[in-house]
Amino acid sequence: MNWKRESGRRSFTRWGTQWSSRLLGLVLGGMVVTGTTGLTMAQVTAPPSQAEIESVRVERIPAGVKKKVAGVILRREVDSFVLRDKTAGEIRVLLTAKTRVEEKKGNIFREGRKYGTTSLIRGLNLEVEGRGNDEGALVAEKIRFTDNAYVTAQSVETRVVPVEQRVEETSTRLSQAEANAQRLSGQLAELDTLSKSARTEAGTAQKTANDALTRVETTNRRIDATNQRIDQLVSSLDDYEAKRVITIQFRVGSAQLLPEATQALDEIAAQAQNERAYVIEIAGFASAEGGVALNRRLSQQRADAVVRYLAETHGVPLRRMVTPFGYGAAQPVADNTSREGREQNRRVEVRILVNRALQPGNPAKPAKPGDSKGGSSSY
């Protein structure tokens, strides 16, 4: 934003210098002695035009060339505005009935807002896509800006308008002082006082404008940091790590929880109450002693028994438990040809999973395949 303050300061200083020089030249050199006729007022030099005050380098866009630019609205007219881009160059942008004004949204889960051209106010940070015309202006086809940028520009507008009014009042007072000098050339001391007062007020107004631009720059940096954090969280919503894993065994052909199983589930429920952004994954399994359909049904009943115990005994919300699934005799952890192996395969695996991105002080990191940190125990 430094280029904004420097450009504004140079324009205002050049303007003030021209007016002050002309005012003092009028008072000191505007009187001529003509024998016995007395004093005659000199012709007053015309004030500088708006084009002279705001003379800056304007970039011309070749006719028919498509261009995309980003910057801040510097001046607004009925069907056009002047955009100052990031290289301190200025581009004249024309608005037509086909120009689309849309929100540059950061939330992928909602539709972007549509705006009218009246929303294009000074100080608005935006992007413009269009084509050049024969006059070197950019005919806008699509204009995008964020909702936060629009709120910021509105805030700046409410601060800058009073400043401009004060500058206009100052200009009026200078004009009045010049007219008084024509009529009352002898009151040099009074005019000098008015000139000093006008310069002081102009300096105060410039400082107010600079402070407003500094606040805009600070706000934009905060908005960029917030958007970066939101993007990071959205991309890491499915990044979980296992805080604890337990395995519960069952008797042959049974889905009833044993005492040691309920004790393990009590510990899991107690730990879950202290976690943030957690879910509980429950998977049931069976040994290969029965048929495929029987094993699938039995493993599902075992997983359902764990869900029911956690919900009824400890009040764990169902939304916190991933849909339980019975795998039957699939994914054995031991050899089904031995008694000990079949005992290990008659099981339910319970995992507490927490979202990495939503943990306090823990920035989101991409999960590695098979990553399962946390304690593991078997019952």
Protein backbone atom coordinates (compact mmCIF):
# COMPACT_ATOMS: atom_id res chain seq x y z
CA MET A 1 0.00 0.00 0.00
CA ASN A 2 3.05 2.35 0.17
CA TRP A 3 2.63 3.31 -3.49
CA LYS A 4 -0.89 4.55 -2.73
CA ARG A 5 0.29 6.84 0.05
CA GLU A 6 3.29 8.10 -1.98
CA SER A 7 1.18 8.79 -5.12
CA GLY A 8 -1.54 10.54 -3.09
CA ARG A 9 1.07 12.57 -1.17
CA ARG A 10 2.85 13.71 -4.39
CA SER A 11 -0.44 14.73 -6.07
CA PHE A 12 -1.67 16.66 -3.05
CA THR A 13 1.71 18.35 -2.46
CA ARG A 14 1.95 19.45 -6.12
CA TRP A 15 -1.60 20.79 -5.94
CA GLY A 16 -0.97 22.72 -2.71
CA THR A 17 2.28 24.18 -4.05
CA GLN A 18 0.64 25.46 -7.24
CA TRP A 19 -2.17 27.16 -5.34
CA SER A 20 0.10 28.69 -2.70
CA SER A 21 2.44 30.11 -5.38
CA ARG A 22 -0.42 31.63 -7.32
CA LEU A 23 -2.00 33.13 -4.20
CA LEU A 24 1.21 34.85 -3.03
CA GLY A 25 2.02 35.97 -6.59
CA LEU A 26 -1.40 37.60 -6.77
CA VAL A 27 -0.89 39.51 -3.54
CA LEU A 28 2.73 40.62 -4.14
CA GLY A 29 2.68 41.22 -7.90
CA GLY A 30 -0.95 41.92 -8.73
CA MET A 31 -0.84 45.63 -8.06
CA VAL A 32 0.56 48.26 -10.49
CA VAL A 33 0.87 52.02 -9.96
CA THR A 34 -0.61 54.10 -12.82
CA GLY A 35 0.15 57.73 -12.01
CA THR A 36 -2.78 59.34 -10.20
CA THR A 37 -5.26 56.54 -10.86
CA GLY A 38 -4.14 54.45 -7.81
CA LEU A 39 -4.00 50.61 -7.62
CA THR A 40 -5.30 48.26 -10.37
CA MET A 41 -5.81 44.49 -9.73
CA ALA A 42 -4.01 42.04 -12.08
CA GLN A 43 -5.92 39.29 -13.81
CA VAL A 44 -6.19 36.16 -11.61
CA THR A 45 -4.57 32.99 -12.95
CA ALA A 46 -7.10 30.18 -13.43
CA PRO A 47 -6.91 27.29 -10.90
CA PRO A 48 -5.40 23.97 -12.06
CA SER A 49 -7.74 21.57 -13.83
CA GLN A 50 -8.70 18.14 -12.42
CA ALA A 51 -6.66 16.48 -15.18
CA GLU A 52 -3.56 18.41 -14.08
CA ILE A 53 -4.04 17.50 -10.43
CA GLU A 54 -4.60 13.79 -11.15
CA SER A 55 -2.13 13.43 -14.05
CA VAL A 56 -0.67 9.94 -13.83
CA ARG A 57 0.51 7.22 -16.20
CA VAL A 58 -2.51 5.42 -17.73
CA GLU A 59 -1.87 2.03 -19.32
CA ARG A 60 -3.50 1.47 -22.71
CA ILE A 61 -4.91 -1.98 -23.50
CA PRO A 62 -4.53 -3.00 -27.18
CA ALA A 63 -7.88 -3.35 -28.95
CA GLY A 64 -9.25 -6.91 -28.86
CA VAL A 65 -6.60 -8.19 -26.44
CA LYS A 66 -8.01 -10.19 -23.52
CA LYS A 67 -6.53 -9.20 -20.18
CA LYS A 68 -6.99 -10.03 -16.51
CA VAL A 69 -5.90 -7.46 -13.94
CA ALA A 70 -6.18 -7.08 -10.16
CA GLY A 71 -6.01 -3.91 -8.10
CA VAL A 72 -7.95 -1.23 -6.23
CA ILE A 73 -10.59 1.16 -7.58
CA LEU A 74 -9.05 4.64 -7.51
CA ARG A 75 -11.82 6.73 -9.11
CA ARG A 76 -15.44 5.88 -9.92
CA GLU A 77 -17.58 7.32 -12.71
CA VAL A 78 -21.09 6.48 -13.96
CA ASP A 79 -20.15 3.74 -16.45
CA SER A 80 -16.46 3.30 -15.73
CA PHE A 81 -13.76 3.42 -13.07
CA VAL A 82 -9.98 3.79 -12.86
CA LEU A 83 -8.12 0.78 -11.45
CA ARG A 84 -4.67 1.02 -9.92
CA ASP A 85 -2.91 -2.33 -10.30
CA LYS A 86 -0.10 -3.82 -8.22
CA THR A 87 2.58 -2.13 -10.38
CA ALA A 88 1.19 1.36 -9.56
CA GLY A 89 -0.14 1.68 -13.14
CA GLU A 90 -3.67 2.89 -13.81
CA ILE A 91 -6.19 1.26 -16.15
CA ARG A 92 -9.54 2.70 -17.25
CA VAL A 93 -12.26 0.02 -17.02
CA LEU A 94 -15.58 0.40 -18.89
CA LEU A 95 -18.83 -1.16 -17.64
CA THR A 96 -21.53 -2.47 -19.98
CA ALA A 97 -24.88 -4.18 -19.62
CA LYS A 98 -23.08 -7.53 -20.11
CA THR A 99 -20.60 -6.99 -17.30
CA ARG A 100 -21.00 -9.66 -14.58
CA VAL A 101 -20.15 -8.70 -11.00
CA GLU A 102 -19.68 -11.75 -8.77
CA GLU A 103 -18.32 -12.70 -5.37
CA LYS A 104 -14.89 -14.32 -5.26
CA LYS A 105 -15.99 -16.82 -2.65
CA GLY A 106 -13.67 -18.81 -0.40
CA ASN A 107 -16.33 -21.23 0.85
CA ILE A 108 -16.73 -24.12 -1.60
CA PHE A 109 -19.99 -25.26 0.00
CA ARG A 110 -22.17 -22.29 -1.02
CA GLU A 111 -23.03 -20.38 -4.17
CA GLY A 112 -21.28 -17.05 -4.79
CA ARG A 113 -23.29 -13.80 -4.47
CA LYS A 114 -24.18 -11.60 -7.45
CA TYR A 115 -23.70 -7.83 -7.23
CA GLY A 116 -24.76 -4.81 -9.24
CA THR A 117 -22.32 -2.33 -10.73
CA THR A 118 -23.29 0.10 -7.96
CA SER A 119 -21.27 -2.11 -5.59
CA LEU A 120 -18.05 -1.07 -7.35
CA ILE A 121 -16.90 1.64 -4.94
CA ARG A 122 -13.55 3.30 -4.37
CA GLY A 123 -11.04 1.34 -2.35
CA LEU A 124 -12.50 -2.02 -3.47
CA ASN A 125 -9.85 -4.69 -4.10
CA LEU A 126 -11.01 -6.76 -7.10
CA GLU A 127 -10.13 -8.73 -10.24
CA VAL A 128 -11.28 -7.68 -13.75
CA GLU A 129 -11.38 -9.80 -16.91
CA GLY A 130 -12.16 -8.19 -20.27
CA ARG A 131 -10.85 -6.98 -23.64
CA GLY A 132 -9.30 -3.71 -24.79
CA ASN A 133 -11.20 -1.29 -27.05
CA ASP A 134 -10.07 1.28 -29.62
CA GLU A 135 -9.61 3.92 -26.90
CA GLY A 136 -7.17 1.77 -24.93
CA ALA A 137 -9.69 1.10 -22.11
CA LEU A 138 -10.52 -2.36 -20.73
CA VAL A 139 -14.15 -3.36 -21.41
CA ALA A 140 -15.05 -5.51 -18.39
CA GLU A 141 -16.69 -8.88 -18.97
CA LYS A 142 -16.40 -10.29 -15.44
CA ILE A 143 -15.52 -8.61 -12.14
CA ARG A 144 -14.86 -10.61 -8.95
CA PHE A 145 -14.16 -9.58 -5.38
CA THR A 146 -14.47 -11.15 -1.93
CA ASP A 147 -17.20 -10.23 0.52
CA ASN A 148 -14.52 -9.18 3.02
CA ALA A 149 -12.97 -6.82 0.44
CA TYR A 150 -16.39 -5.24 -0.15
CA VAL A 151 -16.98 -4.71 3.60
CA THR A 152 -13.50 -3.18 3.89
CA ALA A 153 -14.11 -0.81 0.95
CA GLN A 154 -17.40 0.33 2.48
CA SER A 155 -15.58 1.08 5.72
CA VAL A 156 -12.90 3.07 3.85
CA GLU A 157 -15.58 4.96 1.87
CA THR A 158 -17.21 6.17 5.10
CA ARG A 159 -13.84 7.54 6.20
CA VAL A 160 -12.63 8.99 2.90
CA VAL A 161 -15.83 10.89 1.99
CA PRO A 162 -15.59 13.18 5.05
CA VAL A 163 -11.91 13.70 4.24
CA GLU A 164 -12.78 14.70 0.68
CA GLN A 165 -15.43 17.06 1.99
CA ARG A 166 -12.84 18.69 4.18
CA VAL A 167 -10.46 19.01 1.21
CA GLU A 168 -13.29 20.52 -0.86
CA GLU A 169 -14.03 22.97 1.92
CA THR A 170 -10.35 23.83 2.03
CA SER A 171 -10.34 24.44 -1.74
CA THR A 172 -13.38 26.67 -1.38
CA ARG A 173 -11.72 28.67 1.34
CA LEU A 174 -8.65 29.15 -0.86
CA SER A 175 -10.86 30.39 -3.71
CA GLN A 176 -12.60 32.81 -1.38
CA ALA A 177 -9.23 34.02 -0.15
CA GLU A 178 -8.11 34.67 -3.74
CA ALA A 179 -11.30 36.62 -4.49
CA ASN A 180 -10.81 38.69 -1.36
CA ALA A 181 -7.24 39.42 -2.50
CA GLN A 182 -8.64 40.89 -5.73
CA ARG A 183 -10.91 43.25 -3.80
CA LEU A 184 -8.71 43.90 -0.78
CA SER A 185 -5.14 43.71 -2.00
CA GLY A 186 -3.89 45.61 1.00
CA GLN A 187 -4.86 42.90 3.53
CA LEU A 188 -1.80 40.73 2.97
CA ALA A 189 -1.48 39.63 6.58
CA GLU A 190 -5.04 38.27 6.67
CA LEU A 191 -4.58 36.32 3.45
CA ASP A 192 -1.31 34.85 4.70
CA THR A 193 -3.06 33.62 7.86
CA LEU A 194 -5.82 32.01 5.81
CA SER A 195 -3.23 30.33 3.57
CA LYS A 196 -1.38 28.84 6.54
CA SER A 197 -4.64 27.60 8.04
CA ALA A 198 -5.61 25.97 4.74
CA ARG A 199 -2.24 24.24 4.44
CA THR A 200 -2.54 22.94 8.01
CA GLU A 201 -6.01 21.54 7.37
CA ALA A 202 -4.84 19.99 4.11
CA GLY A 203 -1.97 18.26 5.94
CA THR A 204 -4.37 16.96 8.57
CA ALA A 205 -6.72 15.63 5.88
CA GLN A 206 -3.81 13.90 4.09
CA LYS A 207 -2.70 12.26 7.34
CA THR A 208 -6.24 10.99 7.94
CA ALA A 209 -6.30 9.47 4.43
CA ASN A 210 -2.89 7.83 4.97
CA ASP A 211 -4.07 6.32 8.27
CA ALA A 212 -7.15 4.90 6.54
CA LEU A 213 -5.01 3.27 3.84
CA THR A 214 -2.73 1.76 6.50
CA ARG A 215 -5.74 0.20 8.25
CA VAL A 216 -6.93 -1.23 4.92
CA GLU A 217 -3.53 -2.84 4.36
CA THR A 218 -3.57 -4.39 7.85
CA THR A 219 -7.10 -5.71 7.34
CA ASN A 220 -6.19 -7.30 3.99
CA ARG A 221 -3.25 -9.12 5.59
CA ARG A 222 -5.52 -10.52 8.32
CA ILE A 223 -8.09 -11.62 5.73
CA ASP A 224 -5.41 -13.41 3.69
CA ALA A 225 -4.14 -15.24 6.81
CA THR A 226 -7.68 -16.28 7.76
CA ASN A 227 -8.45 -17.57 4.26
CA GLN A 228 -5.23 -19.56 4.24
CA ARG A 229 -6.15 -21.19 7.56
CA ILE A 230 -9.68 -22.02 6.29
CA ASP A 231 -8.28 -23.63 3.13
CA GLN A 232 -5.91 -25.67 5.26
CA LEU A 233 -8.73 -26.90 7.54
CA VAL A 234 -11.05 -27.78 4.65
CA SER A 235 -8.35 -29.83 2.92
CA SER A 236 -7.61 -31.74 6.17
CA LEU A 237 -11.14 -32.61 7.35
CA ASP A 238 -10.64 -36.33 6.55
CA ASP A 239 -7.18 -36.56 8.16
CA TYR A 240 -7.55 -38.77 11.27
CA GLU A 241 -5.13 -40.54 13.57
CA ALA A 242 -5.85 -43.44 15.94
CA LYS A 243 -5.51 -42.40 19.58
CA ARG A 244 -6.27 -45.90 20.90
CA VAL A 245 -7.09 -49.35 19.49
CA ILE A 246 -8.49 -52.30 21.50
CA THR A 247 -9.51 -55.81 20.48
CA ILE A 248 -12.37 -57.65 22.21
CA GLN A 249 -12.66 -61.47 22.03
CA PHE A 250 -15.90 -63.53 21.98
CA ARG A 251 -16.85 -67.15 22.64
CA VAL A 252 -17.63 -69.54 19.80
CA GLY A 253 -20.92 -68.65 18.06
CA SER A 254 -21.66 -65.87 20.60
CA ALA A 255 -22.12 -62.09 20.31
CA GLN A 256 -22.46 -61.54 24.08
CA LEU A 257 -19.91 -59.23 25.73
CA LEU A 258 -17.68 -60.84 28.36
CA PRO A 259 -16.89 -58.99 31.64
CA GLU A 260 -13.35 -58.15 30.53
CA ALA A 261 -14.81 -56.76 27.27
CA THR A 262 -17.17 -54.38 29.08
CA GLN A 263 -14.26 -53.21 31.26
CA ALA A 264 -12.25 -52.36 28.14
CA LEU A 265 -15.21 -50.53 26.61
CA ASP A 266 -15.63 -48.54 29.85
CA GLU A 267 -12.03 -47.31 29.45
CA ILE A 268 -12.60 -46.45 25.78
CA ALA A 269 -15.73 -44.42 26.65
CA ALA A 270 -13.90 -42.56 29.43
CA GLN A 271 -11.03 -41.64 27.11
CA ALA A 272 -13.39 -40.51 24.35
CA GLN A 273 -14.96 -37.92 26.67
CA ASN A 274 -11.59 -36.14 26.87
CA GLU A 275 -10.97 -36.04 23.11
CA ARG A 276 -11.94 -33.34 20.60
CA ALA A 277 -13.30 -34.03 17.10
CA TYR A 278 -13.28 -37.81 17.60
CA VAL A 279 -15.14 -40.75 16.07
CA ILE A 280 -15.18 -44.41 17.12
CA GLU A 281 -14.64 -47.06 14.44
CA ILE A 282 -16.10 -50.52 15.20
CA ALA A 283 -15.43 -53.62 13.06
CA GLY A 284 -16.60 -57.18 13.84
CA PHE A 285 -14.94 -60.44 12.75
CA ALA A 286 -15.48 -64.19 13.04
CA SER A 287 -13.38 -67.33 12.78
CA ALA A 288 -13.74 -69.66 9.80
CA GLU A 289 -15.66 -72.40 11.65
CA GLY A 290 -19.13 -71.59 10.20
CA GLY A 291 -20.49 -70.79 6.77
CA VAL A 292 -19.95 -67.47 5.01
CA ALA A 293 -23.47 -66.12 5.68
CA LEU A 294 -23.40 -67.22 9.33
CA ASN A 295 -19.99 -65.64 9.94
CA ARG A 296 -21.05 -62.36 8.37
CA ARG A 297 -24.22 -62.23 10.47
CA LEU A 298 -22.35 -63.20 13.65
CA SER A 299 -19.58 -60.60 13.11
CA GLN A 300 -22.23 -57.90 12.50
CA GLN A 301 -24.04 -58.89 15.72
CA ARG A 302 -20.78 -58.58 17.65
CA ALA A 303 -20.13 -55.08 16.26
CA ASP A 304 -23.73 -54.07 17.05
CA ALA A 305 -23.34 -55.33 20.62
CA VAL A 306 -20.38 -52.96 21.14
CA VAL A 307 -22.34 -50.02 19.70
CA ARG A 308 -25.33 -50.74 21.92
CA TYR A 309 -23.16 -51.00 25.06
CA LEU A 310 -21.38 -47.68 24.39
CA ALA A 311 -24.64 -45.89 23.56
CA GLU A 312 -26.80 -47.28 26.40
CA THR A 313 -24.22 -47.53 29.18
CA HIS A 314 -22.07 -44.46 28.51
CA GLY A 315 -24.30 -42.24 26.35
CA VAL A 316 -21.84 -42.07 23.46
CA PRO A 317 -23.74 -40.28 20.62
CA LEU A 318 -24.45 -42.46 17.58
CA ARG A 319 -23.05 -39.70 15.35
CA ARG A 320 -19.68 -40.31 17.02
CA MET A 321 -19.64 -44.00 16.00
CA VAL A 322 -18.83 -44.92 12.41
CA THR A 323 -21.41 -47.35 10.98
CA PRO A 324 -20.38 -50.74 12.45
CA PHE A 325 -19.57 -53.44 9.92
CA GLY A 326 -19.22 -57.20 10.16
CA TYR A 327 -16.47 -58.62 7.94
CA GLY A 328 -17.25 -62.29 8.66
CA ALA A 329 -14.17 -64.50 8.43
CA ALA A 330 -12.31 -61.96 6.26
CA GLN A 331 -9.14 -60.24 7.45
CA PRO A 332 -8.03 -62.89 9.97
CA VAL A 333 -5.23 -61.91 12.35
CA ALA A 334 -4.22 -65.52 13.08
CA ASP A 335 -4.27 -68.99 11.53
CA ASN A 336 -7.82 -70.47 11.52
CA THR A 337 -6.46 -74.02 11.52
CA SER A 338 -5.43 -73.79 15.19
CA ARG A 339 -7.60 -73.31 18.26
CA GLU A 340 -5.61 -70.32 19.47
CA GLY A 341 -5.80 -68.70 16.02
CA ARG A 342 -9.59 -69.11 15.86
CA GLU A 343 -9.92 -67.54 19.33
CA GLN A 344 -7.98 -64.49 18.16
CA ASN A 345 -10.13 -64.16 15.03
CA ARG A 346 -13.42 -64.11 17.02
CA ARG A 347 -13.11 -60.40 17.79
CA VAL A 348 -14.27 -56.79 17.50
CA GLU A 349 -11.71 -54.02 16.88
CA VAL A 350 -12.55 -50.63 18.43
CA ARG A 351 -10.57 -47.52 17.48
CA ILE A 352 -10.76 -43.92 18.76
CA LEU A 353 -9.92 -41.67 15.80
CA VAL A 354 -9.31 -37.90 16.17
CA ASN A 355 -9.09 -35.27 13.45
CA ARG A 356 -5.54 -33.89 13.23
CA ALA A 357 -6.55 -30.49 11.84
CA LEU A 358 -9.02 -29.72 14.66
CA GLN A 359 -6.66 -30.45 17.55
CA PRO A 360 -5.52 -27.33 19.50
CA GLY A 361 -2.03 -26.18 18.51
CA ASN A 362 -1.68 -28.98 15.98
CA PRO A 363 -1.43 -27.73 12.35
CA ALA A 364 -2.91 -30.03 9.73
CA LYS A 365 -0.45 -32.50 8.23
CA PRO A 366 -1.15 -34.96 5.42
CA ALA A 367 -1.77 -38.47 6.75
CA LYS A 368 0.50 -41.29 5.63
CA PRO A 369 -1.06 -44.53 4.35
CA GLY A 370 -1.60 -46.95 7.22
CA ASP A 371 -0.77 -44.27 9.82
CA SER A 372 -2.30 -45.41 13.13
CA LYS A 373 -0.65 -43.71 16.08
CA GLY A 374 -1.91 -44.36 19.56
CA GLY A 375 -2.10 -47.16 22.15
CA SER A 376 -3.33 -50.64 21.33
CA SER A 377 -4.53 -53.38 23.68
CA SER A 378 -6.34 -56.73 23.50
CA TYR A 379 -9.05 -58.18 25.75
